[in-house]
Amino acid sequence: MASISLRGVQKAYGDGAPVIRDVDLEIGENEFCVFLGPSGCGKSTLLRMIAGLEDLTDGDLFIGGNVMNDVPAAQRGVAMVFQSYALFPHMTVFENMAFGLKLAKTPKDEIDRKVREAARILQLEALLERRPKALSGGQRQRVAIGRAIVRQPGVFLFDEPLSNLDATLRGQTRIEIARLHKQFAKASVVYVTHDQIEAMTLADKIVLLHAGKDTERYGSIAQIGAPLELYHRPRSRFVAGFIGSPRMNFLPGRIASVDAQGVAVTLDHTQENVRVPVDGAALQVSQAVTLGVRPEHLEFVDSSSSHDDAVLSRTVSLVEQLGEHSYVHLDQPGGVALIAKAPGDTRLAPGDRANLRVPRHATHLFTEDGFAAPSLESVEHYA
């Protein structure tokens, strides 16, 4: 087992601006850490720096407490699973899985034992004599995972391993990877993906990365935390908008008042008031802000209902019926779309007028610099 530590890590190519900037990160032993973010945010580059396939421009990398900056990839005690599988087409499944052990001059009987044990775990026993061209995409990915497992490394690195699979295989293989991590609990895992479902279901810790010019202003890391921490307590509008599908609704407004129970926000265009339980000490009346609320937290209510929370009245423009649930799109003054989650059998239709309760405990407030105002309530409220 091995912990991973990155301190002040940066990466730049030539004289260009850094693609990885100011990364300080601790990944504990046995931890499943997911690098998540949009295309171009540097998550694969950061993974390759840990693997030793990319040099650090600045900063230090530690694995198991040892500095790895100048240690060759083969000597770092890590195993990497690539997006493209990287299998040798002329070798059988057994030979592909045994390749690294043979290079390490592992005794033949030990190679046989380790490969067959990994094949049993991954349900590849009947495929050991086949070549990659005779395998499905899911089977090839399991072979690539098996090749990493047999080396029994302290660190597993996965670079978007499911992106070439169809939706069904992605779901099946995701479950397989989660099960394997529990079985090989002594190993730390670093996993790169742009798919937030993979991140939310697999990770002990998510590292959400900024992309492009955002790194110059905020650094490469937008937020680090457990999946539900990023979902319930996003530190910025970027995090709030990236985590969750459909994304969080953002409604522009201004501070109407501030007191010990939070702030009142008057929405632009409609002049509706919404109470938000945040610390308003650093906020001022008339200050421009953005109210955030997730589609799944909006509640459809009757016009006659009485509520302490704000109720917004909107016209339905589109209903996406997905079976178990529906997503209702509603017109917004000023052209700002609003989406709410409804039961799958909802009778709402385009043109209907709907009333939406905005539970104050589910609201978020973001200032013009994109950061979230501190909440007065704890995340346990959502448990």
Protein backbone atom coordinates (compact mmCIF):
# COMPACT_ATOMS: atom_id res chain seq x y z
CA MET A 1 0.00 0.00 0.00
CA ALA A 2 1.16 3.56 -0.64
CA SER A 3 -0.03 7.08 -0.05
CA ILE A 4 0.44 9.79 -2.68
CA SER A 5 1.35 13.39 -1.98
CA LEU A 6 1.64 16.29 -4.46
CA ARG A 7 3.06 19.57 -3.17
CA GLY A 8 3.11 22.72 -5.27
CA VAL A 9 2.96 20.67 -8.46
CA GLN A 10 2.90 22.48 -11.80
CA LYS A 11 3.20 21.38 -15.42
CA ALA A 12 3.90 23.56 -18.44
CA TYR A 13 4.95 22.73 -21.98
CA GLY A 14 7.69 24.93 -23.37
CA ASP A 15 7.15 28.61 -22.58
CA GLY A 16 3.37 28.27 -22.43
CA ALA A 17 1.17 28.86 -19.40
CA PRO A 18 0.95 25.95 -16.96
CA VAL A 19 -1.71 23.34 -17.74
CA ILE A 20 -1.42 22.15 -14.13
CA ARG A 21 -1.11 24.92 -11.58
CA ASP A 22 -0.59 25.00 -7.80
CA VAL A 23 -1.70 21.44 -7.01
CA ASP A 24 -1.46 20.40 -3.36
CA LEU A 25 -3.07 17.01 -2.81
CA GLU A 26 -2.94 14.12 -0.36
CA ILE A 27 -4.27 10.68 -1.37
CA GLY A 28 -4.29 8.26 1.54
CA GLU A 29 -3.50 4.58 1.65
CA ASN A 30 -6.45 2.44 0.47
CA GLU A 31 -8.26 5.54 -0.82
CA PHE A 32 -10.19 5.63 -4.10
CA CYS A 33 -9.53 9.11 -5.51
CA VAL A 34 -11.19 10.31 -8.71
CA PHE A 35 -9.86 13.15 -10.86
CA LEU A 36 -12.95 14.71 -12.42
CA GLY A 37 -13.37 17.66 -14.73
CA PRO A 38 -14.18 18.91 -18.23
CA SER A 39 -12.03 18.15 -21.27
CA GLY A 40 -8.74 20.01 -21.20
CA CYS A 41 -8.57 20.47 -17.42
CA GLY A 42 -5.37 18.41 -17.11
CA LYS A 43 -6.70 15.38 -15.22
CA SER A 44 -4.93 12.83 -17.47
CA THR A 45 -1.75 14.93 -17.40
CA LEU A 46 -1.84 14.89 -13.59
CA LEU A 47 -2.31 11.10 -13.62
CA ARG A 48 0.60 10.65 -16.03
CA MET A 49 2.81 12.75 -13.75
CA ILE A 50 2.05 10.33 -10.90
CA ALA A 51 2.80 7.40 -13.22
CA GLY A 52 6.13 8.90 -14.30
CA LEU A 53 5.07 9.33 -17.93
CA GLU A 54 5.24 13.15 -17.63
CA ASP A 55 7.87 15.22 -15.84
CA LEU A 56 6.97 17.82 -13.22
CA THR A 57 7.79 21.41 -14.17
CA ASP A 58 7.75 22.40 -10.50
CA GLY A 59 6.86 20.92 -7.12
CA ASP A 60 7.35 17.49 -5.56
CA LEU A 61 5.65 14.11 -5.85
CA PHE A 62 5.80 11.52 -3.08
CA ILE A 63 4.62 7.90 -3.20
CA GLY A 64 4.78 5.98 0.04
CA GLY A 65 6.67 8.89 1.59
CA ASN A 66 9.47 8.75 -0.99
CA VAL A 67 10.25 11.53 -3.47
CA MET A 68 9.45 10.30 -7.01
CA ASN A 69 10.35 13.33 -9.15
CA ASP A 70 13.29 11.61 -10.86
CA VAL A 71 12.31 7.96 -10.34
CA PRO A 72 11.59 6.09 -13.63
CA ALA A 73 8.01 4.92 -14.17
CA ALA A 74 8.95 1.23 -13.91
CA GLN A 75 10.36 1.75 -10.41
CA ARG A 76 7.43 3.64 -8.85
CA GLY A 77 5.39 0.60 -7.83
CA VAL A 78 2.32 1.72 -9.77
CA ALA A 79 0.20 -0.05 -12.38
CA MET A 80 -1.75 1.85 -15.02
CA VAL A 81 -4.88 0.90 -16.97
CA PHE A 82 -5.24 2.91 -20.19
CA GLN A 83 -8.33 4.07 -22.05
CA SER A 84 -7.18 2.19 -25.18
CA TYR A 85 -6.53 -1.10 -23.28
CA ALA A 86 -2.94 -1.21 -24.72
CA LEU A 87 -3.02 -4.99 -25.23
CA PHE A 88 -0.53 -6.81 -27.46
CA PRO A 89 -2.60 -8.14 -30.38
CA HIS A 90 -0.28 -11.11 -31.07
CA MET A 91 -0.40 -12.37 -27.48
CA THR A 92 -3.08 -14.43 -25.78
CA VAL A 93 -4.99 -13.14 -22.76
CA PHE A 94 -2.70 -15.19 -20.51
CA GLU A 95 0.44 -13.77 -22.16
CA ASN A 96 -0.86 -10.20 -21.95
CA MET A 97 -1.62 -10.53 -18.26
CA ALA A 98 1.72 -12.22 -17.57
CA PHE A 99 3.84 -9.76 -19.57
CA GLY A 100 4.83 -7.46 -16.70
CA LEU A 101 5.63 -10.38 -14.42
CA LYS A 102 7.89 -11.93 -17.05
CA LEU A 103 9.77 -8.64 -17.43
CA ALA A 104 10.27 -8.67 -13.65
CA LYS A 105 11.69 -12.22 -13.96
CA THR A 106 8.99 -13.67 -11.70
CA PRO A 107 9.21 -17.48 -11.36
CA LYS A 108 7.04 -19.34 -13.88
CA ASP A 109 4.87 -21.11 -11.31
CA GLU A 110 4.19 -17.82 -9.51
CA ILE A 111 3.22 -16.17 -12.81
CA ASP A 112 0.81 -19.00 -13.53
CA ARG A 113 -0.74 -18.76 -10.06
CA LYS A 114 -1.16 -14.97 -10.13
CA VAL A 115 -2.58 -14.84 -13.67
CA ARG A 116 -5.09 -17.61 -13.03
CA GLU A 117 -6.19 -16.04 -9.75
CA ALA A 118 -6.74 -12.67 -11.46
CA ALA A 119 -8.57 -14.42 -14.31
CA ARG A 120 -10.87 -16.12 -11.80
CA ILE A 121 -11.67 -12.82 -10.08
CA LEU A 122 -12.35 -11.11 -13.43
CA GLN A 123 -14.23 -14.07 -14.94
CA LEU A 124 -11.66 -14.50 -17.70
CA GLU A 125 -10.74 -18.14 -17.07
CA ALA A 126 -12.41 -19.38 -20.26
CA LEU A 127 -10.69 -16.70 -22.35
CA LEU A 128 -7.03 -17.17 -21.40
CA GLU A 129 -6.05 -18.69 -24.76
CA ARG A 130 -7.85 -16.12 -26.89
CA ARG A 131 -6.24 -13.11 -28.51
CA PRO A 132 -7.60 -9.55 -28.08
CA LYS A 133 -9.31 -9.47 -31.50
CA ALA A 134 -11.58 -12.30 -30.33
CA LEU A 135 -12.75 -10.35 -27.26
CA SER A 136 -15.46 -7.77 -26.70
CA GLY A 137 -14.58 -4.27 -25.46
CA GLY A 138 -15.60 -5.15 -21.91
CA GLN A 139 -13.49 -8.30 -21.97
CA ARG A 140 -10.47 -6.41 -23.27
CA GLN A 141 -10.82 -3.86 -20.47
CA ARG A 142 -10.96 -6.66 -17.89
CA VAL A 143 -7.76 -8.11 -19.36
CA ALA A 144 -6.08 -4.71 -19.01
CA ILE A 145 -7.27 -4.52 -15.40
CA GLY A 146 -6.05 -8.08 -14.81
CA ARG A 147 -2.60 -7.18 -16.15
CA ALA A 148 -2.44 -4.47 -13.49
CA ILE A 149 -3.79 -6.67 -10.69
CA VAL A 150 -1.20 -9.45 -11.09
CA ARG A 151 1.61 -7.00 -10.33
CA GLN A 152 0.03 -6.32 -6.90
CA PRO A 153 1.09 -2.64 -6.95
CA GLY A 154 0.67 -0.18 -4.12
CA VAL A 155 -1.10 2.23 -6.49
CA PHE A 156 -3.55 1.59 -9.33
CA LEU A 157 -3.94 4.34 -11.96
CA PHE A 158 -6.98 4.31 -14.29
CA ASP A 159 -7.10 6.72 -17.24
CA GLU A 160 -10.75 6.92 -18.40
CA PRO A 161 -10.95 3.11 -18.60
CA LEU A 162 -14.65 2.94 -19.48
CA SER A 163 -14.94 5.65 -22.13
CA ASN A 164 -14.73 3.17 -25.05
CA LEU A 165 -17.54 0.97 -23.71
CA ASP A 166 -21.26 1.24 -24.37
CA ALA A 167 -23.61 2.34 -21.58
CA THR A 168 -24.46 -1.18 -20.38
CA LEU A 169 -20.84 -2.32 -20.28
CA ARG A 170 -19.80 0.89 -18.53
CA GLY A 171 -22.28 0.19 -15.75
CA GLN A 172 -21.19 -3.43 -15.39
CA THR A 173 -17.47 -2.65 -15.43
CA ARG A 174 -17.92 0.24 -12.99
CA ILE A 175 -19.44 -2.19 -10.49
CA GLU A 176 -16.58 -4.61 -11.16
CA ILE A 177 -13.96 -1.94 -10.42
CA ALA A 178 -15.72 -0.97 -7.18
CA ARG A 179 -15.82 -4.61 -6.12
CA LEU A 180 -12.15 -5.11 -6.99
CA HIS A 181 -11.12 -2.11 -4.91
CA LYS A 182 -12.81 -3.63 -1.86
CA GLN A 183 -11.12 -6.96 -2.59
CA PHE A 184 -7.69 -5.35 -3.01
CA ALA A 185 -8.28 -2.85 -0.22
CA LYS A 186 -4.59 -2.35 0.51
CA ALA A 187 -4.03 -0.54 -2.78
CA SER A 188 -4.71 3.14 -3.42
CA VAL A 189 -6.58 4.00 -6.62
CA VAL A 190 -6.40 7.16 -8.73
CA TYR A 191 -9.08 7.19 -11.41
CA VAL A 192 -9.55 9.76 -14.19
CA THR A 193 -12.96 10.42 -15.72
CA HIS A 194 -15.15 13.17 -17.16
CA ASP A 195 -18.26 11.16 -16.18
CA GLN A 196 -19.69 12.38 -12.89
CA ILE A 197 -21.72 9.18 -12.41
CA GLU A 198 -18.48 7.19 -12.31
CA ALA A 199 -16.99 9.75 -9.93
CA MET A 200 -19.97 9.86 -7.56
CA THR A 201 -20.40 6.08 -7.37
CA LEU A 202 -16.74 5.02 -7.15
CA ALA A 203 -14.89 7.72 -5.23
CA ASP A 204 -13.99 8.08 -1.60
CA LYS A 205 -12.58 11.45 -2.62
CA ILE A 206 -13.21 13.57 -5.73
CA VAL A 207 -10.67 16.10 -7.02
CA LEU A 208 -12.60 18.42 -9.34
CA LEU A 209 -10.34 20.34 -11.70
CA HIS A 210 -10.81 23.68 -13.46
CA ALA A 211 -10.11 24.04 -17.17
CA GLY A 212 -8.58 26.70 -19.38
CA LYS A 213 -8.36 30.27 -18.11
CA ASP A 214 -10.04 29.35 -14.83
CA THR A 215 -6.76 27.77 -13.69
CA GLU A 216 -5.02 31.14 -14.00
CA ARG A 217 -7.48 32.75 -11.60
CA TYR A 218 -8.35 29.92 -9.23
CA GLY A 219 -5.61 27.28 -9.68
CA SER A 220 -6.17 23.82 -11.12
CA ILE A 221 -8.25 22.38 -8.27
CA ALA A 222 -11.81 23.66 -7.88
CA GLN A 223 -12.69 21.51 -4.84
CA ILE A 224 -11.61 18.34 -3.06
CA GLY A 225 -14.02 16.28 -0.98
CA ALA A 226 -16.32 13.30 -0.65
CA PRO A 227 -18.92 12.99 -3.45
CA LEU A 228 -21.86 14.19 -1.33
CA GLU A 229 -19.80 17.07 0.03
CA LEU A 230 -19.31 18.44 -3.49
CA TYR A 231 -22.98 17.83 -4.27
CA HIS A 232 -24.42 19.45 -1.13
CA ARG A 233 -21.73 22.01 -0.32
CA PRO A 234 -20.15 23.26 -3.57
CA ARG A 235 -17.60 25.98 -2.88
CA SER A 236 -18.17 27.75 -6.19
CA ARG A 237 -20.63 28.16 -9.01
CA PHE A 238 -18.33 26.06 -11.21
CA VAL A 239 -18.55 23.10 -8.82
CA ALA A 240 -22.30 23.53 -8.38
CA GLY A 241 -22.83 23.56 -12.12
CA PHE A 242 -20.55 20.62 -12.87
CA ILE A 243 -21.81 18.22 -10.20
CA GLY A 244 -25.38 17.09 -10.80
CA SER A 245 -27.39 16.27 -13.92
CA PRO A 246 -29.30 18.22 -15.02
CA ARG A 247 -27.12 20.98 -13.67
CA MET A 248 -28.14 23.32 -10.89
CA ASN A 249 -30.54 26.16 -11.78
CA PHE A 250 -28.90 29.59 -11.52
CA LEU A 251 -31.14 32.64 -11.04
CA PRO A 252 -29.65 36.16 -10.99
CA GLY A 253 -30.77 38.57 -8.28
CA ARG A 254 -29.73 41.08 -5.64
CA ILE A 255 -29.48 41.09 -1.86
CA ALA A 256 -32.67 42.60 -0.40
CA SER A 257 -31.83 42.21 3.30
CA VAL A 258 -29.40 40.52 5.69
CA ASP A 259 -30.10 39.20 9.20
CA ALA A 260 -29.03 36.46 11.61
CA GLN A 261 -31.18 33.86 9.80
CA GLY A 262 -29.58 34.51 6.41
CA VAL A 263 -30.36 36.79 3.50
CA ALA A 264 -33.33 37.63 1.29
CA VAL A 265 -32.67 37.69 -2.44
CA THR A 266 -34.87 39.55 -4.91
CA LEU A 267 -34.78 37.81 -8.28
CA ASP A 268 -34.11 39.90 -11.36
CA HIS A 269 -37.00 40.32 -13.83
CA THR A 270 -39.71 38.89 -11.49
CA GLN A 271 -38.92 40.70 -8.20
CA GLU A 272 -39.77 37.50 -6.29
CA ASN A 273 -38.08 37.13 -2.90
CA VAL A 274 -36.29 33.98 -1.78
CA ARG A 275 -34.80 33.38 1.67
CA VAL A 276 -31.35 31.74 1.70
CA PRO A 277 -29.80 30.45 4.98
CA VAL A 278 -26.24 31.70 4.44
CA ASP A 279 -23.86 33.81 6.48
CA GLY A 280 -24.45 37.32 5.17
CA ALA A 281 -21.68 39.04 7.15
CA ALA A 282 -19.66 39.72 4.01
CA LEU A 283 -22.70 40.61 1.87
CA GLN A 284 -24.33 44.00 1.29
CA VAL A 285 -27.83 45.10 0.37
CA SER A 286 -28.25 45.59 -3.42
CA GLN A 287 -25.19 43.42 -4.12
CA ALA A 288 -25.54 41.30 -7.29
CA VAL A 289 -25.66 37.56 -6.54
CA THR A 290 -26.79 34.30 -8.12
CA LEU A 291 -29.30 31.99 -6.44
CA GLY A 292 -28.73 28.27 -7.01
CA VAL A 293 -31.20 25.41 -6.57
CA ARG A 294 -31.06 21.91 -8.02
CA PRO A 295 -33.92 20.56 -10.20
CA GLU A 296 -34.52 17.68 -7.78
CA HIS A 297 -35.01 20.06 -4.86
CA LEU A 298 -37.78 22.12 -6.45
CA GLU A 299 -41.25 20.96 -5.43
CA PHE A 300 -44.46 21.34 -7.43
CA VAL A 301 -47.27 22.66 -5.20
CA ASP A 302 -50.88 23.76 -5.55
CA SER A 303 -51.62 27.46 -5.91
CA SER A 304 -53.71 27.28 -2.73
CA SER A 305 -50.88 25.84 -0.63
CA SER A 306 -49.37 27.92 2.14
CA HIS A 307 -45.58 27.82 2.64
CA ASP A 308 -42.92 29.61 4.61
CA ASP A 309 -40.58 29.03 1.66
CA ALA A 310 -40.73 31.04 -1.57
CA VAL A 311 -43.02 29.83 -4.36
CA LEU A 312 -42.21 30.67 -7.99
CA SER A 313 -44.88 30.67 -10.69
CA ARG A 314 -43.76 29.67 -14.18
CA THR A 315 -45.12 28.38 -17.50
CA VAL A 316 -44.16 24.88 -18.67
CA SER A 317 -42.34 24.87 -22.02
CA LEU A 318 -41.24 21.21 -22.32
CA VAL A 319 -41.61 17.92 -20.44
CA GLU A 320 -38.96 15.20 -20.80
CA GLN A 321 -40.59 11.93 -19.74
CA LEU A 322 -37.93 9.37 -18.77
CA GLY A 323 -40.11 6.70 -17.17
CA GLU A 324 -39.15 6.75 -13.50
CA HIS A 325 -39.16 10.56 -13.47
CA SER A 326 -39.65 13.55 -15.73
CA TYR A 327 -37.75 16.80 -16.20
CA VAL A 328 -40.00 19.81 -16.58
CA HIS A 329 -38.56 22.86 -18.38
CA LEU A 330 -40.18 26.15 -17.48
CA ASP A 331 -40.03 29.57 -19.11
CA GLN A 332 -38.16 32.23 -17.19
CA PRO A 333 -38.32 36.02 -17.62
CA GLY A 334 -35.02 37.23 -19.01
CA GLY A 335 -34.39 33.97 -20.83
CA VAL A 336 -32.90 32.08 -17.87
CA ALA A 337 -34.14 28.48 -18.13
CA LEU A 338 -35.53 26.67 -15.10
CA ILE A 339 -35.66 22.86 -14.80
CA ALA A 340 -37.51 20.88 -12.14
CA LYS A 341 -37.70 17.15 -11.49
CA ALA A 342 -41.18 15.61 -11.34
CA PRO A 343 -42.63 12.07 -11.01
CA GLY A 344 -42.60 9.99 -14.18
CA ASP A 345 -46.39 10.09 -14.43
CA THR A 346 -46.66 13.88 -14.17
CA ARG A 347 -49.60 15.36 -16.06
CA LEU A 348 -47.93 18.68 -16.67
CA ALA A 349 -47.83 19.72 -20.32
CA PRO A 350 -46.45 22.66 -22.31
CA GLY A 351 -48.47 25.79 -21.67
CA ASP A 352 -49.51 24.80 -18.13
CA ARG A 353 -48.88 27.20 -15.28
CA ALA A 354 -46.93 25.58 -12.41
CA ASN A 355 -46.00 26.67 -8.91
CA LEU A 356 -42.61 25.64 -7.53
CA ARG A 357 -41.68 25.71 -3.87
CA VAL A 358 -38.02 26.59 -3.25
CA PRO A 359 -36.98 24.89 0.02
CA ARG A 360 -34.65 27.33 1.73
CA HIS A 361 -32.41 24.56 3.11
CA ALA A 362 -31.69 23.47 -0.51
CA THR A 363 -30.66 26.89 -1.81
CA HIS A 364 -27.16 28.17 -2.54
CA LEU A 365 -25.85 31.69 -3.03
CA PHE A 366 -22.92 32.71 -5.23
CA THR A 367 -21.23 36.10 -5.38
CA GLU A 368 -19.97 37.75 -8.57
CA ASP A 369 -16.52 36.18 -8.20
CA GLY A 370 -18.17 32.74 -8.43
CA PHE A 371 -17.66 31.64 -4.83
CA ALA A 372 -20.41 30.31 -2.57
CA ALA A 373 -21.56 32.19 0.53
CA PRO A 374 -21.05 29.99 3.65
CA SER A 375 -24.16 28.06 4.66
CA LEU A 376 -25.69 28.31 8.14
CA GLU A 377 -26.78 24.67 7.99
CA SER A 378 -24.71 21.47 7.96
CA VAL A 379 -24.60 18.83 5.26
CA GLU A 380 -26.21 16.34 7.71
CA HIS A 381 -29.51 18.01 6.85
CA TYR A 382 -29.46 16.07 3.56
CA ALA A 383 -28.46 12.68 4.94
